[in-house]
Protein backbone atom coordinates (compact mmCIF):
# COMPACT_ATOMS: atom_id res chain seq x y z
CA UNK A 1 0.00 0.00 0.00
CA UNK A 2 1.54 3.27 -1.09
CA UNK A 3 2.42 5.86 1.53
CA UNK A 4 0.83 3.80 4.31
CA UNK A 5 2.17 3.45 7.84
CA UNK A 6 3.25 -0.03 8.91
CA UNK A 7 2.43 -1.18 12.45
CA UNK A 8 3.48 -4.36 14.21
CA UNK A 9 0.81 -5.74 16.52
CA UNK A 10 1.58 -8.41 19.12
CA UNK A 11 -1.05 -10.16 21.24
CA UNK A 12 -0.64 -12.67 24.04
CA UNK A 13 -3.36 -14.56 25.91
CA UNK A 14 -2.72 -14.51 29.66
CA UNK A 15 -4.15 -16.62 32.44
CA UNK A 16 -4.01 -19.72 30.23
CA UNK A 17 -2.98 -22.31 32.81
CA UNK A 18 -5.40 -21.16 35.50
CA UNK A 19 -8.22 -21.06 32.97
CA UNK A 20 -7.57 -24.52 31.53
CA UNK A 21 -7.02 -26.32 34.81
CA UNK A 22 -9.86 -24.62 36.67
CA UNK A 23 -12.02 -27.75 36.32
CA UNK A 24 -12.62 -29.96 39.32
CA UNK A 25 -13.00 -33.72 39.41
CA UNK A 26 -16.09 -35.40 40.75
CA UNK A 27 -18.39 -33.67 38.24
CA UNK A 28 -19.65 -35.14 34.99
CA UNK A 29 -17.80 -34.39 31.75
CA UNK A 30 -14.47 -33.17 33.15
CA UNK A 31 -12.46 -34.53 30.18
CA UNK A 32 -14.82 -32.78 27.74
CA UNK A 33 -14.86 -29.45 29.58
CA UNK A 34 -11.09 -29.45 30.04
CA UNK A 35 -10.46 -30.04 26.33
CA UNK A 36 -13.08 -27.47 25.32
CA UNK A 37 -11.44 -24.79 27.47
CA UNK A 38 -8.10 -25.55 25.85
CA UNK A 39 -9.65 -25.42 22.38
CA UNK A 40 -11.25 -22.04 23.15
CA UNK A 41 -7.86 -20.64 24.10
CA UNK A 42 -6.23 -22.06 20.97
CA UNK A 43 -8.65 -20.24 18.67
CA UNK A 44 -8.59 -16.86 20.46
CA UNK A 45 -5.65 -15.50 18.38
CA UNK A 46 -7.54 -16.38 15.19
CA UNK A 47 -10.78 -14.95 16.58
CA UNK A 48 -9.12 -11.67 17.59
CA UNK A 49 -7.58 -11.19 14.13
CA UNK A 50 -10.87 -12.09 12.43
CA UNK A 51 -12.73 -9.54 14.54
CA UNK A 52 -9.95 -6.98 14.02
CA UNK A 53 -10.20 -7.34 10.25
CA UNK A 54 -13.97 -6.86 10.38
CA UNK A 55 -13.53 -3.65 12.40
CA UNK A 56 -10.71 -2.41 10.12
CA UNK A 57 -12.93 -2.95 7.09
CA UNK A 58 -15.70 -0.98 8.76
CA UNK A 59 -13.43 1.89 9.88
CA UNK A 60 -10.87 2.09 7.04
CA UNK A 61 -12.40 0.41 3.97
CA UNK A 62 -9.83 -0.03 1.20
CA UNK A 63 -7.14 1.73 3.25
CA UNK A 64 -5.45 -1.17 5.04
CA UNK A 65 -3.80 -4.58 4.65
CA UNK A 66 -3.60 -7.13 7.47
CA UNK A 67 -0.97 -9.89 7.58
CA UNK A 68 -1.64 -12.71 8.23
CA UNK A 69 -5.04 -12.52 6.61
CA UNK A 70 -7.50 -14.42 8.86
CA UNK A 71 -9.90 -15.02 5.96
CA UNK A 72 -8.53 -18.50 5.30
CA UNK A 73 -10.49 -21.71 4.76
CA UNK A 74 -7.76 -24.17 5.69
CA UNK A 75 -7.93 -25.48 9.26
CA UNK A 76 -4.13 -25.72 9.39
CA UNK A 77 -3.78 -22.02 8.44
CA UNK A 78 -6.24 -21.05 11.18
CA UNK A 79 -4.35 -23.03 13.80
CA UNK A 80 -0.96 -21.67 12.69
CA UNK A 81 -2.07 -18.10 13.45
CA UNK A 82 -1.75 -19.16 17.09
CA UNK A 83 1.89 -18.78 18.15
CA UNK A 84 1.77 -20.63 21.44
CA UNK A 85 -1.07 -18.59 22.92
CA UNK A 86 -0.57 -15.40 20.98
CA UNK A 87 -0.12 -13.84 17.54
CA UNK A 88 1.99 -11.37 15.60
CA UNK A 89 0.41 -9.27 12.88
CA UNK A 90 1.43 -6.45 10.55
CA UNK A 91 -1.06 -3.73 9.66
CA UNK A 92 -0.35 -1.28 6.86
CA UNK A 93 -2.87 1.53 6.91
CA UNK A 94 -3.16 4.76 4.96
CA UNK A 95 -4.59 7.02 7.67
CA UNK A 96 -3.07 9.55 10.10
CA UNK A 97 -1.09 8.03 12.95
CA UNK A 98 -3.38 9.36 15.68
CA UNK A 99 -6.50 8.03 14.00
CA UNK A 100 -5.08 4.51 13.86
CA UNK A 101 -3.85 4.63 17.45
CA UNK A 102 -7.28 5.75 18.66
CA UNK A 103 -8.78 2.82 16.76
CA UNK A 104 -6.42 0.29 18.39
CA UNK A 105 -6.99 1.72 21.86
CA UNK A 106 -10.76 1.36 21.41
CA UNK A 107 -10.23 -2.19 20.22
CA UNK A 108 -8.15 -2.98 23.31
CA UNK A 109 -10.84 -1.49 25.53
CA UNK A 110 -13.54 -3.66 23.91
CA UNK A 111 -11.45 -6.81 24.37
CA UNK A 112 -10.70 -6.04 28.01
CA UNK A 113 -14.39 -5.40 28.68
CA UNK A 114 -15.33 -8.72 27.09
CA UNK A 115 -12.80 -10.74 29.10
CA UNK A 116 -13.89 -9.13 32.38
CA UNK A 117 -17.63 -9.22 31.85
CA UNK A 118 -17.93 -12.58 30.09
CA UNK A 119 -15.03 -14.57 31.57
CA UNK A 120 -14.68 -12.90 34.98
CA UNK A 121 -11.14 -11.80 34.10
CA UNK A 122 -9.91 -15.42 34.21
CA UNK A 123 -8.53 -14.90 30.71
CA UNK A 124 -7.15 -11.75 29.21
CA UNK A 125 -5.36 -10.58 26.09
CA UNK A 126 -2.33 -8.31 26.42
CA UNK A 127 -1.92 -6.22 23.29
CA UNK A 128 1.02 -4.07 22.17
CA UNK A 129 1.89 -2.32 18.94
CA UNK A 130 4.61 -0.12 17.46
CA UNK A 131 5.04 1.83 14.28
CA UNK A 132 7.63 -0.03 12.21
CA UNK A 133 10.39 2.42 11.44
CA UNK A 134 13.61 0.40 11.80
CA UNK A 135 15.04 -3.08 12.43
CA UNK A 136 14.47 -2.75 16.19
CA UNK A 137 10.68 -2.57 15.85
CA UNK A 138 10.17 -6.26 16.72
CA UNK A 139 12.27 -5.95 19.87
CA UNK A 140 10.35 -2.82 20.78
CA UNK A 141 6.93 -4.47 20.42
CA UNK A 142 8.07 -7.39 22.63
CA UNK A 143 9.16 -4.89 25.28
CA UNK A 144 5.82 -3.09 25.07
CA UNK A 145 4.02 -6.42 25.36
CA UNK A 146 5.82 -7.25 28.61
CA UNK A 147 4.71 -3.88 30.00
CA UNK A 148 1.15 -4.57 28.86
CA UNK A 149 1.16 -7.94 30.65
CA UNK A 150 1.89 -6.17 33.92
CA UNK A 151 -1.03 -3.81 33.40
CA UNK A 152 -3.84 -6.27 32.62
CA UNK A 153 -7.26 -4.67 32.07
CA UNK A 154 -5.80 -1.25 32.90
CA UNK A 155 -7.53 0.50 29.99
CA UNK A 156 -10.94 -0.81 31.01
CA UNK A 157 -10.45 -0.18 34.73
CA UNK A 158 -9.31 3.40 34.09
CA UNK A 159 -12.44 4.22 32.07
CA UNK A 160 -15.24 2.58 34.02
CA UNK A 161 -17.22 4.71 36.46
CA UNK A 162 -18.79 1.91 38.50
CA UNK A 163 -17.67 -1.32 40.12
CA UNK A 164 -16.84 -3.97 37.48
CA UNK A 165 -19.44 -6.76 37.35
CA UNK A 166 -17.05 -9.57 38.23
CA UNK A 167 -19.36 -11.24 40.77
CA UNK A 168 -22.82 -12.09 39.48
CA UNK A 169 -24.26 -13.61 42.65
CA UNK A 170 -28.01 -13.26 43.11
CA UNK A 171 -30.75 -14.97 45.08
CA UNK A 172 -31.07 -18.74 44.57
CA UNK A 173 -27.66 -18.85 42.90
CA UNK A 174 -24.68 -20.83 44.17
CA UNK A 175 -21.08 -21.28 43.10
CA UNK A 176 -20.62 -23.73 40.22
CA UNK A 177 -19.04 -26.99 41.51
CA UNK A 178 -17.24 -27.59 38.19
CA UNK A 179 -15.30 -24.34 37.77
CA UNK A 180 -15.84 -22.76 41.22
CA UNK A 181 -15.82 -19.37 39.48
CA UNK A 182 -19.25 -18.64 38.01
CA UNK A 183 -22.63 -18.88 39.72
CA UNK A 184 -25.48 -21.20 38.77
CA UNK A 185 -29.10 -21.75 39.69
CA UNK A 186 -29.50 -24.17 42.58
CA UNK A 187 -31.46 -26.56 40.37
CA UNK A 188 -28.79 -26.66 37.66
CA UNK A 189 -25.89 -29.12 37.47
CA UNK A 190 -23.38 -26.46 36.43
CA UNK A 191 -23.10 -22.83 35.34
CA UNK A 192 -23.92 -21.58 31.85
CA UNK A 193 -20.27 -21.26 30.84
CA UNK A 194 -19.38 -24.81 31.94
CA UNK A 195 -22.44 -26.11 30.09
CA UNK A 196 -21.26 -24.27 26.95
CA UNK A 197 -17.81 -25.84 27.36
CA UNK A 198 -19.31 -29.28 27.92
CA UNK A 199 -21.38 -28.94 24.74
CA UNK A 200 -18.29 -27.78 22.85
CA UNK A 201 -16.34 -30.79 24.18
CA UNK A 202 -19.08 -33.12 22.97
CA UNK A 203 -19.07 -31.57 19.48
CA UNK A 204 -15.31 -31.27 18.91
CA UNK A 205 -14.90 -34.94 17.97
CA UNK A 206 -17.68 -34.73 15.38
CA UNK A 207 -16.68 -31.71 13.29
CA UNK A 208 -13.61 -30.93 11.19
CA UNK A 209 -13.51 -27.15 10.99
CA UNK A 210 -14.42 -23.96 12.83
CA UNK A 211 -14.88 -20.29 12.06
CA UNK A 212 -15.73 -16.90 13.57
CA UNK A 213 -18.77 -15.34 11.90
CA UNK A 214 -21.20 -12.46 12.21
CA UNK A 215 -23.95 -14.50 10.55
CA UNK A 216 -24.54 -18.23 10.92
CA UNK A 217 -25.08 -20.45 7.89
CA UNK A 218 -27.48 -23.37 7.65
CA UNK A 219 -24.89 -26.05 8.45
CA UNK A 220 -23.01 -24.16 11.18
CA UNK A 221 -23.25 -25.23 14.81
CA UNK A 222 -23.09 -22.17 17.06
CA UNK A 223 -21.06 -22.87 20.19
CA UNK A 224 -19.91 -19.61 21.78
CA UNK A 225 -20.40 -15.87 21.35
CA UNK A 226 -17.74 -13.15 21.48
CA UNK A 227 -19.65 -10.00 22.39
CA UNK A 228 -17.72 -6.76 21.86
CA UNK A 229 -18.99 -3.36 22.95
CA UNK A 230 -17.52 -0.13 21.66
CA UNK A 231 -17.82 3.12 23.57
CA UNK A 232 -21.07 4.87 22.70
CA UNK A 233 -22.10 2.18 20.19
CA UNK A 234 -24.20 -0.96 20.12
CA UNK A 235 -22.40 -4.22 20.82
CA UNK A 236 -21.38 -6.62 18.06
CA UNK A 237 -21.62 -10.37 18.30
CA UNK A 238 -19.19 -12.78 16.67
CA UNK A 239 -20.05 -16.47 16.80
CA UNK A 240 -17.69 -19.41 17.18
CA UNK A 241 -19.19 -22.07 14.93
CA UNK A 242 -18.22 -25.65 14.09
CA UNK A 243 -18.77 -27.10 10.64
CA UNK A 244 -17.64 -29.88 8.35
CA UNK A 245 -14.25 -29.92 6.63
CA UNK A 246 -14.20 -28.49 3.12
CA UNK A 247 -12.02 -29.58 0.24
CA UNK A 248 -9.43 -32.37 0.41
CA UNK A 249 -7.84 -31.26 3.66
CA UNK A 250 -9.02 -33.05 6.77
CA UNK A 251 -7.43 -32.31 10.11
CA UNK A 252 -8.95 -33.14 13.46
CA UNK A 253 -9.98 -30.25 15.62
CA UNK A 254 -8.59 -32.16 18.61
CA UNK A 255 -6.58 -35.32 19.28
CA UNK A 256 -8.10 -37.32 22.11
CA UNK A 257 -9.28 -40.86 22.90
CA UNK A 258 -12.95 -41.22 21.98
CA UNK A 259 -15.57 -43.81 22.80
CA UNK A 260 -15.88 -46.22 19.89
CA UNK A 261 -18.96 -45.76 17.74
CA UNK A 262 -19.29 -49.55 17.72
CA UNK A 263 -19.60 -49.93 21.49
CA UNK A 264 -22.73 -51.82 22.55
CA UNK A 265 -25.27 -50.77 25.15
CA UNK A 266 -24.22 -53.79 27.22
CA UNK A 267 -20.58 -52.68 27.17
CA UNK A 268 -21.54 -49.13 28.13
CA UNK A 269 -23.50 -50.50 31.08
CA UNK A 270 -20.56 -52.70 32.16
CA UNK A 271 -18.04 -49.83 31.93
CA UNK A 272 -20.30 -47.51 33.94
CA UNK A 273 -20.68 -50.14 36.63
CA UNK A 274 -16.98 -50.91 36.87
CA UNK A 275 -15.67 -47.33 36.74
CA UNK A 276 -18.51 -45.37 38.33
CA UNK A 277 -18.70 -42.87 35.46
CA UNK A 278 -21.90 -40.97 34.78
CA UNK A 279 -21.62 -40.21 31.08
CA UNK A 280 -20.54 -42.54 28.29
CA UNK A 281 -21.79 -42.24 24.72
CA UNK A 282 -20.35 -43.36 21.35
CA UNK A 283 -18.15 -40.89 19.47
CA UNK A 284 -17.49 -38.57 22.45
CA UNK A 285 -14.33 -37.86 24.46
CA UNK A 286 -13.49 -40.76 26.76
CA UNK A 287 -13.46 -40.05 30.51
CA UNK A 288 -10.11 -40.16 32.29
CA UNK A 289 -11.15 -43.24 34.27
CA UNK A 290 -11.51 -45.21 31.03
CA UNK A 291 -8.28 -43.86 29.51
CA UNK A 292 -6.39 -45.01 32.63
CA UNK A 293 -7.74 -48.54 32.16
CA UNK A 294 -5.57 -48.86 29.05
CA UNK A 295 -2.46 -48.71 31.29
CA UNK A 296 -0.18 -51.62 31.98
CA UNK A 297 -0.64 -52.87 35.52
CA UNK A 298 -1.97 -50.17 37.84
CA UNK A 299 -4.65 -48.11 36.01
CA UNK A 300 -3.15 -44.64 36.38
CA UNK A 301 -2.77 -41.55 34.22
CA UNK A 302 0.47 -39.95 33.12
CA UNK A 303 0.62 -36.17 32.68
CA UNK A 304 3.31 -34.83 30.33
CA UNK A 305 4.64 -31.31 29.78
CA UNK A 306 7.26 -30.64 27.06
CA UNK A 307 8.93 -27.33 26.21
CA UNK A 308 11.62 -26.26 23.73
CA UNK A 309 14.93 -25.17 25.30
CA UNK A 310 16.97 -22.08 24.33
CA UNK A 311 14.34 -20.71 21.93
CA UNK A 312 14.21 -17.26 23.52
CA UNK A 313 17.99 -16.85 23.27
CA UNK A 314 17.92 -17.88 19.62
CA UNK A 315 15.14 -15.44 18.73
CA UNK A 316 16.97 -12.63 20.54
CA UNK A 317 20.07 -13.24 18.43
CA UNK A 318 18.13 -13.36 15.14
CA UNK A 319 18.05 -9.96 13.45
CA UNK A 320 16.40 -11.07 10.23
CA UNK A 321 12.60 -10.84 10.56
CA UNK A 322 11.86 -13.43 7.85
CA UNK A 323 14.21 -16.01 9.37
CA UNK A 324 12.57 -15.51 12.78
CA UNK A 325 9.10 -15.92 11.28
CA UNK A 326 10.10 -19.02 9.34
CA UNK A 327 11.66 -20.77 12.35
CA UNK A 328 8.66 -19.90 14.51
CA UNK A 329 6.27 -21.25 11.89
CA UNK A 330 8.18 -24.55 11.52
CA UNK A 331 8.22 -25.12 15.28
CA UNK A 332 4.52 -24.31 15.46
CA UNK A 333 3.86 -26.83 12.67
CA UNK A 334 5.78 -29.52 14.57
CA UNK A 335 3.81 -29.09 17.78
CA UNK A 336 0.47 -28.43 16.08
CA UNK A 337 0.49 -31.27 13.55
CA UNK A 338 3.45 -33.64 13.98
CA UNK A 339 2.73 -34.31 17.66
CA UNK A 340 -0.88 -35.13 16.79
CA UNK A 341 0.30 -37.41 14.00
CA UNK A 342 2.54 -39.35 16.41
CA UNK A 343 -0.38 -39.83 18.81
CA UNK A 344 -2.77 -40.99 16.09
CA UNK A 345 -0.39 -43.30 14.23
CA UNK A 346 1.68 -44.86 17.00
CA UNK A 347 -0.72 -45.00 19.95
CA UNK A 348 -3.85 -46.58 18.59
CA UNK A 349 -6.11 -48.31 21.12
CA UNK A 350 -6.32 -52.10 21.29
CA UNK A 351 -8.45 -54.18 23.63
CA UNK A 352 -8.96 -52.56 27.01
CA UNK A 353 -9.46 -54.42 30.27
CA UNK A 354 -11.95 -52.66 32.51
CA UNK A 355 -11.81 -54.04 36.03
CA UNK A 356 -12.23 -57.81 35.68
CA UNK A 357 -13.86 -57.56 32.26
CA UNK A 358 -11.88 -58.02 29.06
CA UNK A 359 -13.96 -55.88 26.73
CA UNK A 360 -13.56 -55.48 23.03
CA UNK A 361 -12.24 -52.28 21.52
CA UNK A 362 -14.12 -49.52 23.33
CA UNK A 363 -11.65 -46.67 22.71
CA UNK A 364 -10.94 -45.26 19.28
CA UNK A 365 -8.47 -42.99 17.42
CA UNK A 366 -5.69 -42.77 20.06
CA UNK A 367 -4.80 -43.38 23.69
CA UNK A 368 -3.20 -39.93 24.02
CA UNK A 369 -5.31 -36.99 25.20
CA UNK A 370 -3.55 -33.86 23.90
CA UNK A 371 -4.75 -31.00 26.05
CA UNK A 372 -2.77 -28.47 24.07
CA UNK A 373 0.11 -28.54 21.62
CA UNK A 374 1.36 -25.60 19.59
CA UNK A 375 3.95 -22.86 19.48
CA UNK A 376 6.86 -24.49 21.30
CA UNK A 377 5.25 -26.66 23.98
CA UNK A 378 2.65 -29.31 24.72
CA UNK A 379 0.64 -30.85 27.52
CA UNK A 380 -0.73 -34.38 27.12
CA UNK A 381 -2.44 -36.98 29.29
CA UNK A 382 -2.64 -40.73 28.75
CA UNK A 383 -2.24 -44.18 30.28
CA UNK A 384 0.89 -43.80 32.43
CA UNK A 385 3.09 -46.23 30.49
CA UNK A 386 1.89 -45.03 27.08
CA UNK A 387 2.57 -41.38 27.93
CA UNK A 388 6.17 -42.34 28.79
CA UNK A 389 6.56 -43.95 25.36
CA UNK A 390 4.86 -40.91 23.81
CA UNK A 391 7.43 -38.58 25.40
CA UNK A 392 10.29 -40.69 24.03
CA UNK A 393 8.69 -40.76 20.56
CA UNK A 394 8.30 -36.96 20.52
CA UNK A 395 11.95 -36.40 21.42
CA UNK A 396 13.10 -38.82 18.70
CA UNK A 397 10.92 -37.09 16.12
CA UNK A 398 12.18 -33.68 17.28
CA UNK A 399 15.78 -34.78 16.64
CA UNK A 400 14.79 -35.73 13.09
CA UNK A 401 12.93 -32.44 12.70
CA UNK A 402 16.01 -30.54 13.88
CA UNK A 403 18.19 -32.25 11.26
CA UNK A 404 15.74 -31.12 8.59
CA UNK A 405 15.96 -27.55 9.88
CA UNK A 406 19.77 -27.57 9.86
CA UNK A 407 19.84 -28.79 6.25
CA UNK A 408 17.37 -26.11 5.15
CA UNK A 409 18.90 -23.44 2.91
CA UNK A 410 17.05 -20.63 4.70
CA UNK A 411 18.57 -21.59 8.07
CA UNK A 412 22.07 -22.56 6.95
CA UNK A 413 23.63 -19.44 8.46
CA UNK A 414 22.17 -20.18 11.89
CA UNK A 415 22.58 -23.97 11.97
CA UNK A 416 24.82 -23.63 15.07
CA UNK A 417 21.87 -21.97 16.84
CA UNK A 418 19.32 -24.50 15.63
CA UNK A 419 21.51 -27.32 16.94
CA UNK A 420 21.03 -25.86 20.43
CA UNK A 421 17.29 -26.50 20.30
CA UNK A 422 16.42 -29.37 22.67
CA UNK A 423 13.41 -30.50 24.66
CA UNK A 424 12.89 -30.51 28.41
CA UNK A 425 9.99 -32.47 29.88
CA UNK A 426 8.24 -33.27 33.13
CA UNK A 427 6.03 -36.27 33.89
CA UNK A 428 3.65 -37.04 36.75
CA UNK A 429 1.83 -40.34 37.39
CA UNK A 430 -1.45 -40.06 39.32
CA UNK A 431 -4.80 -41.75 39.84
CA UNK A 432 -7.45 -40.92 37.20
CA UNK A 433 -9.62 -38.86 39.57
CA UNK A 434 -6.69 -36.82 40.86
CA UNK A 435 -7.13 -33.04 40.63
CA UNK A 436 -5.97 -31.84 37.21
CA UNK A 437 -4.62 -28.54 38.53
CA UNK A 438 -2.30 -30.23 41.05
CA UNK A 439 -1.10 -32.84 38.54
CA UNK A 440 -0.33 -30.02 36.08
CA UNK A 441 1.65 -28.16 38.76
CA UNK A 442 3.66 -31.31 39.52
CA UNK A 443 4.39 -31.67 35.82
CA UNK A 444 5.55 -28.07 35.56
CA UNK A 445 7.77 -28.48 38.63
CA UNK A 446 9.29 -31.59 37.04
CA UNK A 447 9.90 -29.71 33.79
CA UNK A 448 11.52 -26.83 35.69
CA UNK A 449 13.81 -29.37 37.38
CA UNK A 450 14.78 -30.77 33.97
CA UNK A 451 15.72 -27.28 32.79
CA UNK A 452 17.59 -26.36 35.97
CA UNK A 453 19.74 -29.51 35.78
CA UNK A 454 21.03 -28.73 32.29
CA UNK A 455 18.06 -28.93 29.88
CA UNK A 456 17.65 -31.66 27.24
CA UNK A 457 16.30 -33.85 30.05
CA UNK A 458 13.14 -35.43 31.39
CA UNK A 459 12.04 -35.81 35.02
CA UNK A 460 9.84 -38.63 36.33
CA UNK A 461 9.30 -39.99 39.86
CA UNK A 462 11.57 -37.22 41.19
CA UNK A 463 14.54 -38.30 39.06
CA UNK A 464 16.05 -36.44 36.11
CA UNK A 465 17.91 -38.04 33.19
CA UNK A 466 19.10 -37.08 29.74
CA UNK A 467 16.77 -38.41 27.08
CA UNK A 468 19.02 -41.25 25.89
CA UNK A 469 19.56 -42.50 29.45
CA UNK A 470 15.85 -42.18 30.21
CA UNK A 471 15.02 -44.31 27.19
CA UNK A 472 17.50 -47.07 28.15
CA UNK A 473 16.21 -47.04 31.75
CA UNK A 474 12.64 -47.49 30.52
CA UNK A 475 13.72 -50.35 28.25
CA UNK A 476 15.37 -52.09 31.23
CA UNK A 477 12.20 -51.55 33.26
CA UNK A 478 10.04 -53.10 30.54
CA UNK A 479 12.27 -56.20 30.40
CA UNK A 480 12.17 -56.68 34.17
CA UNK A 481 8.40 -56.08 34.20
CA UNK A 482 8.07 -58.97 31.74
CA UNK A 483 10.21 -61.19 33.99
CA UNK A 484 8.03 -60.37 36.99
CA UNK A 485 4.80 -60.99 35.08
CA UNK A 486 6.12 -64.31 33.74
CA UNK A 487 6.98 -65.42 37.26
CA UNK A 488 10.74 -65.60 36.56
CA UNK A 489 11.57 -62.88 39.10
CA UNK A 490 9.55 -62.31 42.31
CA UNK A 491 8.04 -58.84 42.57
CA UNK A 492 9.28 -58.58 46.15
CA UNK A 493 12.85 -58.49 44.80
CA UNK A 494 12.17 -55.16 43.03
CA UNK A 495 10.40 -53.83 46.12
CA UNK A 496 13.29 -54.77 48.45
CA UNK A 497 15.86 -53.54 45.94
CA UNK A 498 14.11 -50.17 45.85
CA UNK A 499 13.76 -49.98 49.64
CA UNK A 500 17.47 -50.71 50.14
CA UNK A 501 18.34 -48.04 47.60
CA UNK A 502 16.15 -45.44 49.34
CA UNK A 503 17.35 -46.33 52.86
CA UNK A 504 21.07 -46.75 52.12
CA UNK A 505 21.81 -44.47 49.14
CA UNK A 506 19.08 -41.96 48.30
CA UNK A 507 18.17 -40.63 51.75
CA UNK A 508 21.75 -40.74 53.19
CA UNK A 509 23.00 -38.74 50.19
CA UNK A 510 20.10 -36.33 50.51
CA UNK A 511 20.84 -35.74 54.18
CA UNK A 512 24.64 -35.97 53.74
CA UNK A 513 25.15 -39.21 55.63
CA UNK A 514 27.47 -42.10 54.70
CA UNK A 515 25.42 -45.30 54.99
CA UNK A 516 25.49 -45.94 51.24
CA UNK A 517 28.50 -48.33 51.51
CA UNK A 518 26.19 -50.89 53.14
CA UNK A 519 24.00 -51.02 50.05
CA UNK A 520 26.22 -53.23 47.88
CA UNK A 521 26.86 -56.22 50.20
CA UNK A 522 23.19 -56.24 51.22
CA UNK A 523 21.88 -56.08 47.66
CA UNK A 524 24.22 -58.88 46.53
CA UNK A 525 22.97 -60.98 49.44
CA UNK A 526 19.39 -60.23 48.35
CA UNK A 527 20.20 -61.33 44.80
CA UNK A 528 21.74 -64.61 46.00
CA UNK A 529 18.78 -65.38 48.27
CA UNK A 530 15.95 -64.32 45.96
CA UNK A 531 16.85 -64.91 42.31
CA UNK A 532 17.38 -67.99 40.21
CA UNK A 533 20.99 -68.47 39.12
CA UNK A 534 20.31 -67.57 35.49
CA UNK A 535 19.17 -64.07 36.51
CA UNK A 536 21.83 -63.26 39.09
CA UNK A 537 24.34 -61.91 36.59
CA UNK A 538 21.64 -59.75 34.99
CA UNK A 539 20.69 -58.39 38.42
CA UNK A 540 24.36 -57.77 39.23
CA UNK A 541 24.78 -55.68 36.07
CA UNK A 542 21.66 -53.78 37.12
CA UNK A 543 23.26 -52.99 40.49
CA UNK A 544 26.44 -51.81 38.76
CA UNK A 545 24.39 -49.28 36.82
CA UNK A 546 23.45 -47.58 40.10
CA UNK A 547 27.09 -46.50 40.42
CA UNK A 548 26.42 -43.89 37.75
CA UNK A 549 23.30 -41.96 38.73
CA UNK A 550 23.55 -39.75 35.65
CA UNK A 551 23.04 -42.66 33.26
CA UNK A 552 20.58 -44.91 35.08
CA UNK A 553 17.48 -43.88 37.00
CA UNK A 554 16.91 -46.40 39.78
CA UNK A 555 13.79 -44.58 41.03
CA UNK A 556 12.36 -44.48 37.54
CA UNK A 557 13.25 -48.15 37.00
CA UNK A 558 11.77 -49.47 40.25
CA UNK A 559 8.61 -47.34 40.18
CA UNK A 560 7.98 -48.37 36.57
CA UNK A 561 8.32 -52.11 37.33
CA UNK A 562 6.27 -51.93 40.51
CA UNK A 563 3.49 -49.96 38.81
CA UNK A 564 3.49 -52.13 35.68
CA UNK A 565 3.22 -55.37 37.68
CA UNK A 566 0.68 -54.28 40.26
CA UNK A 567 -2.42 -56.46 40.07
CA UNK A 568 -5.79 -54.80 39.58
């Protein structure tokens, strides 16, 4: 556009973790509501740009260009607008500087008002912009965004003349037991917002595309309404709708285990009886209790958090805008699509034992429940042993992905920086009805430990290993689990081995004592007394591995075997 001013606009959704995890167990449809909340967050960047373009067209018709253009049909293009919970856009507009700034400030005010009035301020969108005049404009907009994050809702709170309507309590209304944020009628099961999220969760497995529209078409399913009010003007409503995929492209809106469409009424009745779940219907998201039943041994869930290391440092050192955008897009593609592909292709459900009943295939699509994945991180839930394998598979695929980046002509000059990209992860193993928020916090703590101990590591059962050592430890654990299950090695050997390790090595080292020298004669005595001769040398080599804590995780090994061999 000739003679237009170029502005860089950066948006970032805040309050993501609190919003997603603010769902409490013990209420029907937790898995659906949780995934719906995550989906809502993932489409907010697209929704904001779609609404922004509509308002730009109304205010400055023919005088602007917006990049990226949100008027795309492809589901993958819509998802890729989301840069890990935010977006970056360029607006070229042929109007006076003050007129555009007034427009953006009004837009920010409308967004802040929506998030406070409709979502009780649980979510927000920090927005920053700069006029692009030199190569430092991107750094400047990031700086402005950090300032904006510290002043959430400031524009709205400065302008209002009465108390913000954050609490909507009235007579005969009580706090919602699902979110513990909004109020509901005493006769209702949950609040209006949780019911909207539950409905969205039920529909997500059945539709292949979404959009933000002012007017709803015949085949659209309206799910949620973004209501924006401008100062002195009537409000505008934008609808989140689900619809069928168009064209040849077919991506799933979400990647989660679903109840098989072929499940019988008898099987549904049996599952409900065994697991004490209220809701179970074909083609919908499987409850966590059922997902856990696909575990080996003890039916537990594994929670996984993965994050890319050193990315911020790399972006800070990149001066070329196009290179930065390209690298960001490729990483976003990996987490948005490749991670989902791994879950769908390598973790298909087989037969699932529910309690004492060996049912036919009652889960479909995958065993991995991807809560969110995009930008440069992911959070997934699954049967505890499968989620461990999933973590290993992601790291292997990331190494392959990194080799492709290094060989790319566009990144050849920064291959030394790309080689520094690694993954850090945290895992937590819990019972299926355990509080999601606490499990997520444990995962994040484990991931932080992985990063603090050198990055390129994974933490599980309080022990941190490099990826290659983690994988070999898990392989050893699988072999010994087989020996226990086949009756070749008594389970009590693993239990006593672990107890000796904790009492004579782990705790003494933790509290700076010196009892650990007793461990080796006592463990060799245990081997001689407990194991058949043909397994003594194997057990001895296992003990020798404990001499190098950095290469073998004894806590990971023992907890894996004991959990995998626990009878139901």
